[in-house]
Amino acid sequence: FGHWWSQVKFRLQNKKDWSQVVDETFLLQGKRIDDIPLFLAARQNDVRSIRKLLQYHSTDVFQRGALGETALHVAVLFDNLEASVALMEGVPDLINEPMTTDLFE
């Protein structure tokens, strides 16, 4: 019942069809992955770039994408084992970071 109610509440607040909201969110997710260098490296399984980006203090390793995902979630989503390992070795705290978004509440 809770999931159904959250969908109804979300639809009323956004005045959009649920499938339209989901489609827009996933399109935004793809764009955000391309816009965030660490996410892009994770998607492309580019371990060298991941390690280099992790050296810079300006890299926000806990940055969130459109679905509340981290770079580690992106690496796993695209089945990139090497990128996942590089991220877990470089930022072990990412392992405990959940995806957080209104879409999944």
PDB file of N, CA and C in Angstrom:
ATOM      1  N   PHE A   1       0.825  -1.198   0.000  1.00  0.00           N
ATOM      2  CA  PHE A   1       0.000   0.000   0.000  1.00  0.00           C
ATOM      3  C   PHE A   1       0.866   1.256   0.000  1.00  0.00           C
ATOM      4  N   GLY A   2       1.988   1.234   0.743  1.00  0.00           N
ATOM      5  CA  GLY A   2       2.858   2.399   0.859  1.00  0.00           C
ATOM      6  C   GLY A   2       3.441   2.828  -0.479  1.00  0.00           C
ATOM      7  N   HIS A   3       3.865   1.844  -1.291  1.00  0.00           N
ATOM      8  CA  HIS A   3       4.441   2.156  -2.608  1.00  0.00           C
ATOM      9  C   HIS A   3       3.374   2.775  -3.516  1.00  0.00           C
ATOM     10  N   TRP A   4       2.169   2.189  -3.499  1.00  0.00           N
ATOM     11  CA  TRP A   4       1.079   2.706  -4.311  1.00  0.00           C
ATOM     12  C   TRP A   4       0.759   4.145  -3.921  1.00  0.00           C
ATOM     13  N   TRP A   5       0.676   4.405  -2.617  1.00  0.00           N
ATOM     14  CA  TRP A   5       0.348   5.746  -2.137  1.00  0.00           C
ATOM     15  C   TRP A   5       1.421   6.753  -2.536  1.00  0.00           C
ATOM     16  N   SER A   6       2.714   6.351  -2.467  1.00  0.00           N
ATOM     17  CA  SER A   6       3.780   7.278  -2.842  1.00  0.00           C
ATOM     18  C   SER A   6       3.717   7.603  -4.332  1.00  0.00           C
ATOM     19  N   GLN A   7       3.303   6.643  -5.159  1.00  0.00           N
ATOM     20  CA  GLN A   7       3.145   6.922  -6.596  1.00  0.00           C
ATOM     21  C   GLN A   7       2.006   7.901  -6.838  1.00  0.00           C
ATOM     22  N   VAL A   8       0.892   7.704  -6.149  1.00  0.00           N
ATOM     23  CA  VAL A   8      -0.249   8.616  -6.292  1.00  0.00           C
ATOM     24  C   VAL A   8       0.146  10.017  -5.853  1.00  0.00           C
ATOM     25  N   LYS A   9       0.790  10.124  -4.699  1.00  0.00           N
ATOM     26  CA  LYS A   9       1.228  11.421  -4.183  1.00  0.00           C
ATOM     27  C   LYS A   9       2.194  12.094  -5.156  1.00  0.00           C
ATOM     28  N   PHE A  10       3.134  11.313  -5.706  1.00  0.00           N
ATOM     29  CA  PHE A  10       4.109  11.846  -6.647  1.00  0.00           C
ATOM     30  C   PHE A  10       3.415  12.363  -7.905  1.00  0.00           C
ATOM     31  N   ARG A  11       2.445  11.609  -8.417  1.00  0.00           N
ATOM     32  CA  ARG A  11       1.711  12.043  -9.619  1.00  0.00           C
ATOM     33  C   ARG A  11       0.943  13.335  -9.378  1.00  0.00           C
ATOM     34  N   LEU A  12       0.309  13.422  -8.225  1.00  0.00           N
ATOM     35  CA  LEU A  12      -0.464  14.625  -7.919  1.00  0.00           C
ATOM     36  C   LEU A  12       0.439  15.844  -7.773  1.00  0.00           C
ATOM     37  N   GLN A  13       1.603  15.658  -7.171  1.00  0.00           N
ATOM     38  CA  GLN A  13       2.528  16.769  -6.982  1.00  0.00           C
ATOM     39  C   GLN A  13       3.138  17.216  -8.304  1.00  0.00           C
ATOM     40  N   ASN A  14       3.439  16.285  -9.177  1.00  0.00           N
ATOM     41  CA  ASN A  14       4.107  16.607 -10.435  1.00  0.00           C
ATOM     42  C   ASN A  14       3.154  16.776 -11.613  1.00  0.00           C
ATOM     43  N   LYS A  15       1.906  16.357 -11.433  1.00  0.00           N
ATOM     44  CA  LYS A  15       0.884  16.469 -12.475  1.00  0.00           C
ATOM     45  C   LYS A  15       1.373  15.892 -13.805  1.00  0.00           C
ATOM     46  N   LYS A  16       2.103  14.789 -13.723  1.00  0.00           N
ATOM     47  CA  LYS A  16       2.588  14.093 -14.909  1.00  0.00           C
ATOM     48  C   LYS A  16       2.258  12.623 -14.758  1.00  0.00           C
ATOM     49  N   ASP A  17       2.145  11.951 -15.869  1.00  0.00           N
ATOM     50  CA  ASP A  17       1.957  10.510 -15.851  1.00  0.00           C
ATOM     51  C   ASP A  17       3.223   9.858 -15.298  1.00  0.00           C
ATOM     52  N   TRP A  18       3.060   8.797 -14.535  1.00  0.00           N
ATOM     53  CA  TRP A  18       4.201   8.132 -13.900  1.00  0.00           C
ATOM     54  C   TRP A  18       5.242   7.709 -14.932  1.00  0.00           C
ATOM     55  N   SER A  19       4.812   7.159 -16.047  1.00  0.00           N
ATOM     56  CA  SER A  19       5.772   6.704 -17.069  1.00  0.00           C
ATOM     57  C   SER A  19       6.546   7.889 -17.649  1.00  0.00           C
ATOM     58  N   GLN A  20       5.908   9.045 -17.765  1.00  0.00           N
ATOM     59  CA  GLN A  20       6.591  10.239 -18.252  1.00  0.00           C
ATOM     60  C   GLN A  20       7.649  10.692 -17.251  1.00  0.00           C
ATOM     61  N   VAL A  21       7.334  10.638 -15.985  1.00  0.00           N
ATOM     62  CA  VAL A  21       8.288  11.011 -14.937  1.00  0.00           C
ATOM     63  C   VAL A  21       9.497  10.074 -14.978  1.00  0.00           C
ATOM     64  N   VAL A  22       9.244   8.772 -15.103  1.00  0.00           N
ATOM     65  CA  VAL A  22      10.325   7.788 -15.152  1.00  0.00           C
ATOM     66  C   VAL A  22      11.193   8.010 -16.381  1.00  0.00           C
ATOM     67  N   ASP A  23      10.565   8.205 -17.535  1.00  0.00           N
ATOM     68  CA  ASP A  23      11.319   8.438 -18.772  1.00  0.00           C
ATOM     69  C   ASP A  23      12.199   9.684 -18.667  1.00  0.00           C
ATOM     70  N   GLU A  24      11.640  10.766 -18.160  1.00  0.00           N
ATOM     71  CA  GLU A  24      12.405  12.008 -18.013  1.00  0.00           C
ATOM     72  C   GLU A  24      13.573  11.829 -17.056  1.00  0.00           C
ATOM     73  N   THR A  25      13.350  11.089 -15.994  1.00  0.00           N
ATOM     74  CA  THR A  25      14.397  10.869 -15.008  1.00  0.00           C
ATOM     75  C   THR A  25      15.540  10.058 -15.604  1.00  0.00           C
ATOM     76  N   PHE A  26      15.213   9.010 -16.355  1.00  0.00           N
ATOM     77  CA  PHE A  26      16.271   8.196 -16.954  1.00  0.00           C
ATOM     78  C   PHE A  26      17.020   8.945 -18.054  1.00  0.00           C
ATOM     79  N   LEU A  27      16.333   9.812 -18.784  1.00  0.00           N
ATOM     80  CA  LEU A  27      17.028  10.658 -19.764  1.00  0.00           C
ATOM     81  C   LEU A  27      17.985  11.616 -19.059  1.00  0.00           C
ATOM     82  N   LEU A  28      17.526  12.191 -17.963  1.00  0.00           N
ATOM     83  CA  LEU A  28      18.369  13.090 -17.182  1.00  0.00           C
ATOM     84  C   LEU A  28      19.562  12.331 -16.611  1.00  0.00           C
ATOM     85  N   GLN A  29      19.337  11.088 -16.176  1.00  0.00           N
ATOM     86  CA  GLN A  29      20.429  10.278 -15.645  1.00  0.00           C
ATOM     87  C   GLN A  29      21.528  10.101 -16.698  1.00  0.00           C
ATOM     88  N   GLY A  30      21.143   9.758 -17.920  1.00  0.00           N
ATOM     89  CA  GLY A  30      22.125   9.578 -18.984  1.00  0.00           C
ATOM     90  C   GLY A  30      22.911  10.850 -19.261  1.00  0.00           C
ATOM     91  N   LYS A  31      22.221  11.984 -19.258  1.00  0.00           N
ATOM     92  CA  LYS A  31      22.895  13.261 -19.492  1.00  0.00           C
ATOM     93  C   LYS A  31      23.856  13.587 -18.352  1.00  0.00           C
ATOM     94  N   ARG A  32      23.424  13.357 -17.122  1.00  0.00           N
ATOM     95  CA  ARG A  32      24.280  13.652 -15.958  1.00  0.00           C
ATOM     96  C   ARG A  32      25.534  12.781 -15.956  1.00  0.00           C
ATOM     97  N   ILE A  33      25.397  11.530 -16.373  1.00  0.00           N
ATOM     98  CA  ILE A  33      26.564  10.651 -16.434  1.00  0.00           C
ATOM     99  C   ILE A  33      27.601  11.231 -17.381  1.00  0.00           C
ATOM    100  N   ASP A  34      27.143  11.749 -18.505  1.00  0.00           N
ATOM    101  CA  ASP A  34      28.065  12.338 -19.482  1.00  0.00           C
ATOM    102  C   ASP A  34      28.653  13.666 -18.997  1.00  0.00           C
ATOM    103  N   ASP A  35      27.948  14.367 -18.108  1.00  0.00           N
ATOM    104  CA  ASP A  35      28.390  15.679 -17.636  1.00  0.00           C
ATOM    105  C   ASP A  35      29.350  15.626 -16.448  1.00  0.00           C
ATOM    106  N   ILE A  36      29.390  14.500 -15.751  1.00  0.00           N
ATOM    107  CA  ILE A  36      30.228  14.370 -14.560  1.00  0.00           C
ATOM    108  C   ILE A  36      31.423  13.488 -14.902  1.00  0.00           C
ATOM    109  N   PRO A  37      32.633  14.043 -14.917  1.00  0.00           N
ATOM    110  CA  PRO A  37      33.804  13.285 -15.370  1.00  0.00           C
ATOM    111  C   PRO A  37      34.011  11.939 -14.662  1.00  0.00           C
ATOM    112  N   LEU A  38      33.808  11.881 -13.352  1.00  0.00           N
ATOM    113  CA  LEU A  38      34.000  10.622 -12.630  1.00  0.00           C
ATOM    114  C   LEU A  38      32.945   9.596 -13.044  1.00  0.00           C
ATOM    115  N   PHE A  39      31.724  10.038 -13.275  1.00  0.00           N
ATOM    116  CA  PHE A  39      30.656   9.143 -13.728  1.00  0.00           C
ATOM    117  C   PHE A  39      30.955   8.628 -15.135  1.00  0.00           C
ATOM    118  N   LEU A  40      31.421   9.515 -15.998  1.00  0.00           N
ATOM    119  CA  LEU A  40      31.746   9.122 -17.364  1.00  0.00           C
ATOM    120  C   LEU A  40      32.867   8.088 -17.375  1.00  0.00           C
ATOM    121  N   ALA A  41      33.889   8.305 -16.575  1.00  0.00           N
ATOM    122  CA  ALA A  41      34.990   7.341 -16.480  1.00  0.00           C
ATOM    123  C   ALA A  41      34.483   6.004 -15.940  1.00  0.00           C
ATOM    124  N   ALA A  42      33.575   6.040 -14.986  1.00  0.00           N
ATOM    125  CA  ALA A  42      32.995   4.809 -14.438  1.00  0.00           C
ATOM    126  C   ALA A  42      32.189   4.075 -15.496  1.00  0.00           C
ATOM    127  N   ARG A  43      31.406   4.817 -16.270  1.00  0.00           N
ATOM    128  CA  ARG A  43      30.604   4.199 -17.332  1.00  0.00           C
ATOM    129  C   ARG A  43      31.484   3.578 -18.403  1.00  0.00           C
ATOM    130  N   GLN A  44      32.594   4.230 -18.713  1.00  0.00           N
ATOM    131  CA  GLN A  44      33.485   3.759 -19.774  1.00  0.00           C
ATOM    132  C   GLN A  44      34.527   2.756 -19.269  1.00  0.00           C
ATOM    133  N   ASN A  45      34.474   2.426 -17.982  1.00  0.00           N
ATOM    134  CA  ASN A  45      35.433   1.491 -17.376  1.00  0.00           C
ATOM    135  C   ASN A  45      36.863   1.985 -17.551  1.00  0.00           C
ATOM    136  N   ASP A  46      37.051   3.296 -17.431  1.00  0.00           N
ATOM    137  CA  ASP A  46      38.345   3.944 -17.636  1.00  0.00           C
ATOM    138  C   ASP A  46      39.056   4.096 -16.278  1.00  0.00           C
ATOM    139  N   VAL A  47      39.735   3.031 -15.884  1.00  0.00           N
ATOM    140  CA  VAL A  47      40.381   2.979 -14.573  1.00  0.00           C
ATOM    141  C   VAL A  47      41.456   4.051 -14.435  1.00  0.00           C
ATOM    142  N   ARG A  48      42.194   4.278 -15.467  1.00  0.00           N
ATOM    143  CA  ARG A  48      43.256   5.300 -15.423  1.00  0.00           C
ATOM    144  C   ARG A  48      42.676   6.681 -15.101  1.00  0.00           C
ATOM    145  N   SER A  49      41.596   7.041 -15.767  1.00  0.00           N
ATOM    146  CA  SER A  49      40.960   8.337 -15.505  1.00  0.00           C
ATOM    147  C   SER A  49      40.349   8.392 -14.112  1.00  0.00           C
ATOM    148  N   ILE A  50      39.776   7.290 -13.660  1.00  0.00           N
ATOM    149  CA  ILE A  50      39.200   7.256 -12.310  1.00  0.00           C
ATOM    150  C   ILE A  50      40.290   7.537 -11.279  1.00  0.00           C
ATOM    151  N   ARG A  51      41.402   6.834 -11.400  1.00  0.00           N
ATOM    152  CA  ARG A  51      42.495   7.036 -10.431  1.00  0.00           C
ATOM    153  C   ARG A  51      43.030   8.461 -10.480  1.00  0.00           C
ATOM    154  N   LYS A  52      43.115   9.007 -11.671  1.00  0.00           N
ATOM    155  CA  LYS A  52      43.608  10.381 -11.803  1.00  0.00           C
ATOM    156  C   LYS A  52      42.609  11.370 -11.181  1.00  0.00           C
ATOM    157  N   LEU A  53      41.323  11.192 -11.465  1.00  0.00           N
ATOM    158  CA  LEU A  53      40.301  12.085 -10.913  1.00  0.00           C
ATOM    159  C   LEU A  53      40.253  12.009  -9.388  1.00  0.00           C
ATOM    160  N   LEU A  54      40.480  10.833  -8.834  1.00  0.00           N
ATOM    161  CA  LEU A  54      40.439  10.675  -7.380  1.00  0.00           C
ATOM    162  C   LEU A  54      41.582  11.404  -6.687  1.00  0.00           C
ATOM    163  N   GLN A  55      42.624  11.746  -7.422  1.00  0.00           N
ATOM    164  CA  GLN A  55      43.758  12.478  -6.849  1.00  0.00           C
ATOM    165  C   GLN A  55      43.448  13.964  -6.660  1.00  0.00           C
ATOM    166  N   TYR A  56      42.481  14.479  -7.411  1.00  0.00           N
ATOM    167  CA  TYR A  56      42.165  15.908  -7.347  1.00  0.00           C
ATOM    168  C   TYR A  56      41.195  16.203  -6.211  1.00  0.00           C
ATOM    169  N   HIS A  57      41.510  17.215  -5.422  1.00  0.00           N
ATOM    170  CA  HIS A  57      40.633  17.613  -4.320  1.00  0.00           C
ATOM    171  C   HIS A  57      39.316  18.186  -4.825  1.00  0.00           C
ATOM    172  N   SER A  58      39.305  18.666  -6.059  1.00  0.00           N
ATOM    173  CA  SER A  58      38.078  19.245  -6.615  1.00  0.00           C
ATOM    174  C   SER A  58      37.075  18.181  -7.058  1.00  0.00           C
ATOM    175  N   THR A  59      37.485  16.926  -7.116  1.00  0.00           N
ATOM    176  CA  THR A  59      36.567  15.850  -7.488  1.00  0.00           C
ATOM    177  C   THR A  59      35.692  15.513  -6.297  1.00  0.00           C
ATOM    178  N   ASP A  60      34.397  15.665  -6.480  1.00  0.00           N
ATOM    179  CA  ASP A  60      33.437  15.314  -5.426  1.00  0.00           C
ATOM    180  C   ASP A  60      33.091  13.838  -5.580  1.00  0.00           C
ATOM    181  N   VAL A  61      33.735  12.996  -4.793  1.00  0.00           N
ATOM    182  CA  VAL A  61      33.557  11.552  -4.931  1.00  0.00           C
ATOM    183  C   VAL A  61      32.180  11.089  -4.465  1.00  0.00           C
ATOM    184  N   PHE A  62      31.478  11.932  -3.708  1.00  0.00           N
ATOM    185  CA  PHE A  62      30.142  11.583  -3.227  1.00  0.00           C
ATOM    186  C   PHE A  62      29.042  12.289  -4.031  1.00  0.00           C
ATOM    187  N   GLN A  63      29.391  12.845  -5.184  1.00  0.00           N
ATOM    188  CA  GLN A  63      28.413  13.530  -6.023  1.00  0.00           C
ATOM    189  C   GLN A  63      27.328  12.540  -6.444  1.00  0.00           C
ATOM    190  N   ARG A  64      26.111  13.043  -6.547  1.00  0.00           N
ATOM    191  CA  ARG A  64      24.957  12.215  -6.895  1.00  0.00           C
ATOM    192  C   ARG A  64      24.460  12.541  -8.288  1.00  0.00           C
ATOM    193  N   GLY A  65      23.986  11.508  -8.962  1.00  0.00           N
ATOM    194  CA  GLY A  65      23.380  11.672 -10.273  1.00  0.00           C
ATOM    195  C   GLY A  65      21.882  11.907 -10.148  1.00  0.00           C
ATOM    196  N   ALA A  66      21.177  11.833 -11.251  1.00  0.00           N
ATOM    197  CA  ALA A  66      19.746  12.123 -11.296  1.00  0.00           C
ATOM    198  C   ALA A  66      18.920  11.148 -10.469  1.00  0.00           C
ATOM    199  N   LEU A  67      19.407   9.934 -10.277  1.00  0.00           N
ATOM    200  CA  LEU A  67      18.683   8.932  -9.495  1.00  0.00           C
ATOM    201  C   LEU A  67      19.289   8.735  -8.116  1.00  0.00           C
ATOM    202  N   GLY A  68      20.165   9.649  -7.727  1.00  0.00           N
ATOM    203  CA  GLY A  68      20.807   9.544  -6.428  1.00  0.00           C
ATOM    204  C   GLY A  68      21.989   8.595  -6.421  1.00  0.00           C
ATOM    205  N   GLU A  69      22.444   8.218  -7.598  1.00  0.00           N
ATOM    206  CA  GLU A  69      23.535   7.261  -7.708  1.00  0.00           C
ATOM    207  C   GLU A  69      24.898   7.933  -7.572  1.00  0.00           C
ATOM    208  N   THR A  70      25.871   7.154  -7.126  1.00  0.00           N
ATOM    209  CA  THR A  70      27.257   7.603  -7.060  1.00  0.00           C
ATOM    210  C   THR A  70      28.008   7.014  -8.261  1.00  0.00           C
ATOM    211  N   ALA A  71      29.264   7.370  -8.396  1.00  0.00           N
ATOM    212  CA  ALA A  71      30.085   6.816  -9.482  1.00  0.00           C
ATOM    213  C   ALA A  71      30.182   5.296  -9.360  1.00  0.00           C
ATOM    214  N   LEU A  72      30.202   4.784  -8.135  1.00  0.00           N
ATOM    215  CA  LEU A  72      30.248   3.334  -7.946  1.00  0.00           C
ATOM    216  C   LEU A  72      28.976   2.674  -8.478  1.00  0.00           C
ATOM    217  N   HIS A  73      27.828   3.277  -8.233  1.00  0.00           N
ATOM    218  CA  HIS A  73      26.577   2.745  -8.778  1.00  0.00           C
ATOM    219  C   HIS A  73      26.628   2.722 -10.306  1.00  0.00           C
ATOM    220  N   VAL A  74      27.184   3.773 -10.904  1.00  0.00           N
ATOM    221  CA  VAL A  74      27.282   3.841 -12.361  1.00  0.00           C
ATOM    222  C   VAL A  74      28.173   2.721 -12.884  1.00  0.00           C
ATOM    223  N   ALA A  75      29.311   2.506 -12.250  1.00  0.00           N
ATOM    224  CA  ALA A  75      30.218   1.436 -12.679  1.00  0.00           C
ATOM    225  C   ALA A  75      29.528   0.077 -12.606  1.00  0.00           C
ATOM    226  N   VAL A  76      28.807  -0.157 -11.534  1.00  0.00           N
ATOM    227  CA  VAL A  76      28.098  -1.434 -11.377  1.00  0.00           C
ATOM    228  C   VAL A  76      26.962  -1.546 -12.389  1.00  0.00           C
ATOM    229  N   LEU A  77      26.240  -0.454 -12.603  1.00  0.00           N
ATOM    230  CA  LEU A  77      25.132  -0.448 -13.560  1.00  0.00           C
ATOM    231  C   LEU A  77      25.595  -0.887 -14.953  1.00  0.00           C
ATOM    232  N   PHE A  78      26.794  -0.449 -15.336  1.00  0.00           N
ATOM    233  CA  PHE A  78      27.319  -0.800 -16.650  1.00  0.00           C
ATOM    234  C   PHE A  78      28.223  -2.029 -16.612  1.00  0.00           C
ATOM    235  N   ASP A  79      28.181  -2.761 -15.494  1.00  0.00           N
ATOM    236  CA  ASP A  79      28.898  -4.031 -15.346  1.00  0.00           C
ATOM    237  C   ASP A  79      30.403  -3.875 -15.555  1.00  0.00           C
ATOM    238  N   ASN A  80      30.954  -2.790 -15.014  1.00  0.00           N
ATOM    239  CA  ASN A  80      32.379  -2.490 -15.165  1.00  0.00           C
ATOM    240  C   ASN A  80      33.119  -2.840 -13.880  1.00  0.00           C
ATOM    241  N   LEU A  81      33.596  -4.068 -13.832  1.00  0.00           N
ATOM    242  CA  LEU A  81      34.258  -4.582 -12.639  1.00  0.00           C
ATOM    243  C   LEU A  81      35.516  -3.798 -12.296  1.00  0.00           C
ATOM    244  N   GLU A  82      36.357  -3.517 -13.294  1.00  0.00           N
ATOM    245  CA  GLU A  82      37.616  -2.813 -13.030  1.00  0.00           C
ATOM    246  C   GLU A  82      37.371  -1.418 -12.465  1.00  0.00           C
ATOM    247  N   ALA A  83      36.410  -0.706 -13.027  1.00  0.00           N
ATOM    248  CA  ALA A  83      36.074   0.632 -12.527  1.00  0.00           C
ATOM    249  C   ALA A  83      35.513   0.543 -11.109  1.00  0.00           C
ATOM    250  N   SER A  84      34.686  -0.461 -10.865  1.00  0.00           N
ATOM    251  CA  SER A  84      34.114  -0.649  -9.528  1.00  0.00           C
ATOM    252  C   SER A  84      35.207  -0.885  -8.499  1.00  0.00           C
ATOM    253  N   VAL A  85      36.157  -1.747  -8.834  1.00  0.00           N
ATOM    254  CA  VAL A  85      37.258  -2.042  -7.910  1.00  0.00           C
ATOM    255  C   VAL A  85      38.100  -0.797  -7.670  1.00  0.00           C
ATOM    256  N   ALA A  86      38.402  -0.050  -8.722  1.00  0.00           N
ATOM    257  CA  ALA A  86      39.201   1.172  -8.579  1.00  0.00           C
ATOM    258  C   ALA A  86      38.503   2.175  -7.663  1.00  0.00           C
ATOM    259  N   LEU A  87      37.200   2.311  -7.803  1.00  0.00           N
ATOM    260  CA  LEU A  87      36.443   3.235  -6.956  1.00  0.00           C
ATOM    261  C   LEU A  87      36.394   2.755  -5.508  1.00  0.00           C
ATOM    262  N   MET A  88      36.204   1.456  -5.307  1.00  0.00           N
ATOM    263  CA  MET A  88      36.155   0.926  -3.938  1.00  0.00           C
ATOM    264  C   MET A  88      37.515   1.013  -3.256  1.00  0.00           C
ATOM    265  N   GLU A  89      38.590   0.831  -4.019  1.00  0.00           N
ATOM    266  CA  GLU A  89      39.933   0.968  -3.449  1.00  0.00           C
ATOM    267  C   GLU A  89      40.251   2.428  -3.143  1.00  0.00           C
ATOM    268  N   GLY A  90      39.838   3.324  -4.043  1.00  0.00           N
ATOM    269  CA  GLY A  90      40.137   4.745  -3.875  1.00  0.00           C
ATOM    270  C   GLY A  90      39.270   5.439  -2.848  1.00  0.00           C
ATOM    271  N   VAL A  91      38.015   5.016  -2.741  1.00  0.00           N
ATOM    272  CA  VAL A  91      37.060   5.638  -1.824  1.00  0.00           C
ATOM    273  C   VAL A  91      36.214   4.528  -1.183  1.00  0.00           C
ATOM    274  N   PRO A  92      36.768   3.831  -0.219  1.00  0.00           N
ATOM    275  CA  PRO A  92      36.047   2.704   0.390  1.00  0.00           C
ATOM    276  C   PRO A  92      34.678   3.073   0.968  1.00  0.00           C
ATOM    277  N   ASP A  93      34.493   4.316   1.375  1.00  0.00           N
ATOM    278  CA  ASP A  93      33.208   4.738   1.953  1.00  0.00           C
ATOM    279  C   ASP A  93      32.063   4.729   0.944  1.00  0.00           C
ATOM    280  N   LEU A  94      32.378   4.679  -0.350  1.00  0.00           N
ATOM    281  CA  LEU A  94      31.323   4.624  -1.367  1.00  0.00           C
ATOM    282  C   LEU A  94      30.488   3.353  -1.252  1.00  0.00           C
ATOM    283  N   ILE A  95      31.073   2.318  -0.704  1.00  0.00           N
ATOM    284  CA  ILE A  95      30.375   1.041  -0.585  1.00  0.00           C
ATOM    285  C   ILE A  95      29.101   1.190   0.242  1.00  0.00           C
ATOM    286  N   ASN A  96      29.110   2.059   1.217  1.00  0.00           N
ATOM    287  CA  ASN A  96      27.968   2.232   2.118  1.00  0.00           C
ATOM    288  C   ASN A  96      26.984   3.311   1.684  1.00  0.00           C
ATOM    289  N   GLU A  97      27.191   3.897   0.527  1.00  0.00           N
ATOM    290  CA  GLU A  97      26.320   4.978   0.059  1.00  0.00           C
ATOM    291  C   GLU A  97      25.123   4.420  -0.710  1.00  0.00           C
ATOM    292  N   PRO A  98      23.905   4.634  -0.210  1.00  0.00           N
ATOM    293  CA  PRO A  98      22.718   4.153  -0.931  1.00  0.00           C
ATOM    294  C   PRO A  98      22.320   5.110  -2.050  1.00  0.00           C
ATOM    295  N   MET A  99      21.542   4.599  -2.996  1.00  0.00           N
ATOM    296  CA  MET A  99      20.923   5.482  -3.990  1.00  0.00           C
ATOM    297  C   MET A  99      19.769   6.176  -3.281  1.00  0.00           C
ATOM    298  N   THR A 100      19.689   7.483  -3.410  1.00  0.00           N
ATOM    299  CA  THR A 100      18.630   8.226  -2.753  1.00  0.00           C
ATOM    300  C   THR A 100      17.936   9.127  -3.761  1.00  0.00           C
ATOM    301  N   THR A 101      16.661   8.879  -3.994  1.00  0.00           N
ATOM    302  CA  THR A 101      15.890   9.690  -4.914  1.00  0.00           C
ATOM    303  C   THR A 101      14.399   9.559  -4.593  1.00  0.00           C
ATOM    304  N   ASP A 102      13.626  10.569  -4.895  1.00  0.00           N
ATOM    305  CA  ASP A 102      12.188  10.531  -4.680  1.00  0.00           C
ATOM    306  C   ASP A 102      11.522   9.462  -5.549  1.00  0.00           C
ATOM    307  N   LEU A 103      12.141   9.140  -6.678  1.00  0.00           N
ATOM    308  CA  LEU A 103      11.573   8.186  -7.603  1.00  0.00           C
ATOM    309  C   LEU A 103      11.385   6.807  -6.963  1.00  0.00           C
ATOM    310  N   PHE A 104      12.298   6.415  -6.072  1.00  0.00           N
ATOM    311  CA  PHE A 104      12.255   5.090  -5.484  1.00  0.00           C
ATOM    312  C   PHE A 104      11.640   5.056  -4.085  1.00  0.00           C
ATOM    313  N   GLU A 105      11.105   6.167  -3.624  1.00  0.00           N
ATOM    314  CA  GLU A 105      10.478   6.187  -2.291  1.00  0.00           C
ATOM    315  C   GLU A 105       9.074   5.635  -2.372  1.00  0.00           C
TER     316      GLU A 105
END
